[in-house]
Amino acid sequence: MPIIMVQEMPGVTQAQYEQVTDRVSGGKGGLGSRADYPVPGLISHAAGPTPDGWIVVDVWESEEALQRFSEHLLPALREAGVPEDRPKIFSAFNVITD
């Protein structure tokens, strides 16, 4: 079952986001397509600034796929100095991809 992951990160900057995505993509300069992700299962990704930091909203095929990705993401977040915080996870009722 698809899931929605929402990660609100107060105090995080675009530079930190770019540092994380560069590391997760294996130095490709970021995550520009699903093929850049180190694990399969991503349906969609959106990220952007908020009034006090940064937000990421992903849709994953399953919570297991997100967990596999987290094994790559967490070390990159630590390296970039992003405070650890648990994302909010929701079951997706409807996912439209085209």
Protein backbone atom coordinates (compact mmCIF):
# COMPACT_ATOMS: atom_id res chain seq x y z
CA MET A 1 0.00 0.00 0.00
CA PRO A 2 1.43 3.42 -0.92
CA ILE A 3 2.36 5.79 1.86
CA ILE A 4 2.87 9.54 2.11
CA MET A 5 5.89 10.77 4.03
CA VAL A 6 5.97 14.38 5.26
CA GLN A 7 9.19 15.70 6.78
CA GLU A 8 9.11 19.25 8.12
CA MET A 9 12.59 20.46 9.05
CA PRO A 10 12.76 23.79 10.90
CA GLY A 11 16.07 25.58 10.46
CA VAL A 12 17.18 23.46 7.48
CA THR A 13 18.44 25.34 4.43
CA GLN A 14 18.40 24.69 0.71
CA ALA A 15 22.18 24.20 0.88
CA GLN A 16 21.73 21.39 3.43
CA TYR A 17 19.01 19.80 1.29
CA GLU A 18 21.31 19.92 -1.74
CA GLN A 19 24.19 18.41 0.27
CA VAL A 20 21.95 15.53 1.36
CA THR A 21 20.59 14.86 -2.13
CA ASP A 22 24.08 14.94 -3.62
CA ARG A 23 25.29 12.32 -1.15
CA VAL A 24 22.20 10.12 -1.52
CA SER A 25 22.55 10.23 -5.33
CA GLY A 26 26.15 9.07 -5.10
CA GLY A 27 27.58 12.45 -6.06
CA LYS A 28 25.40 13.01 -9.15
CA GLY A 29 24.55 16.51 -7.94
CA GLY A 30 21.14 15.68 -6.58
CA LEU A 31 18.00 13.68 -7.11
CA GLY A 32 16.53 14.70 -10.44
CA SER A 33 14.66 11.51 -11.26
CA ARG A 34 13.54 8.31 -9.59
CA ALA A 35 16.51 6.59 -11.24
CA ASP A 36 18.84 8.71 -9.05
CA TYR A 37 17.49 7.10 -5.87
CA PRO A 38 19.60 4.29 -4.40
CA VAL A 39 16.55 2.02 -3.90
CA PRO A 40 13.38 1.36 -5.89
CA GLY A 41 9.92 2.31 -4.66
CA LEU A 42 9.67 6.10 -4.91
CA ILE A 43 6.50 7.29 -6.62
CA SER A 44 6.96 11.06 -6.21
CA HIS A 45 9.10 13.61 -4.38
CA ALA A 46 8.59 17.30 -3.71
CA ALA A 47 10.70 19.61 -1.56
CA GLY A 48 10.84 23.30 -0.87
CA PRO A 49 11.31 26.11 1.60
CA THR A 50 8.92 26.93 4.40
CA PRO A 51 8.82 30.14 6.44
CA ASP A 52 11.14 28.53 9.00
CA GLY A 53 13.05 25.81 7.15
CA TRP A 54 12.44 23.07 4.60
CA ILE A 55 9.77 20.47 3.82
CA VAL A 56 9.88 17.17 1.93
CA VAL A 57 6.80 15.26 0.80
CA ASP A 58 7.32 11.82 -0.74
CA VAL A 59 4.99 9.10 -1.90
CA TRP A 60 6.47 5.60 -1.64
CA GLU A 61 5.14 2.26 -2.85
CA SER A 62 5.33 0.95 0.72
CA GLU A 63 6.67 1.69 4.17
CA GLU A 64 9.30 -1.00 3.54
CA ALA A 65 10.59 0.90 0.49
CA LEU A 66 10.85 4.08 2.57
CA GLN A 67 12.72 2.15 5.26
CA ARG A 68 15.26 0.89 2.69
CA PHE A 69 15.76 4.46 1.49
CA SER A 70 16.16 5.69 5.09
CA GLU A 71 19.24 3.49 5.43
CA HIS A 72 20.91 5.77 2.85
CA LEU A 73 19.23 9.00 3.93
CA LEU A 74 19.94 9.05 7.67
CA PRO A 75 23.77 9.10 7.37
CA ALA A 76 23.50 11.91 4.80
CA LEU A 77 21.22 13.94 7.07
CA ARG A 78 23.65 13.54 9.98
CA GLU A 79 26.60 14.57 7.81
CA ALA A 80 24.73 17.72 6.71
CA GLY A 81 23.90 18.66 10.30
CA VAL A 82 20.15 18.18 9.86
CA PRO A 83 18.52 17.49 13.24
CA GLU A 84 16.93 14.05 13.51
CA ASP A 85 13.17 14.09 13.61
CA ARG A 86 10.65 11.40 12.76
CA PRO A 87 8.68 12.07 9.60
CA LYS A 88 4.91 11.85 9.55
CA ILE A 89 3.67 8.78 7.68
CA PHE A 90 0.17 8.47 6.24
CA SER A 91 -1.57 5.77 4.21
CA ALA A 92 -2.30 6.98 0.69
CA PHE A 93 -5.91 6.64 -0.36
CA ASN A 94 -5.42 7.92 -3.91
CA VAL A 95 -2.21 8.35 -5.93
CA ILE A 96 -2.28 9.84 -9.44
CA THR A 97 0.94 9.61 -11.42
CA ASP A 98 0.01 10.88 -14.86
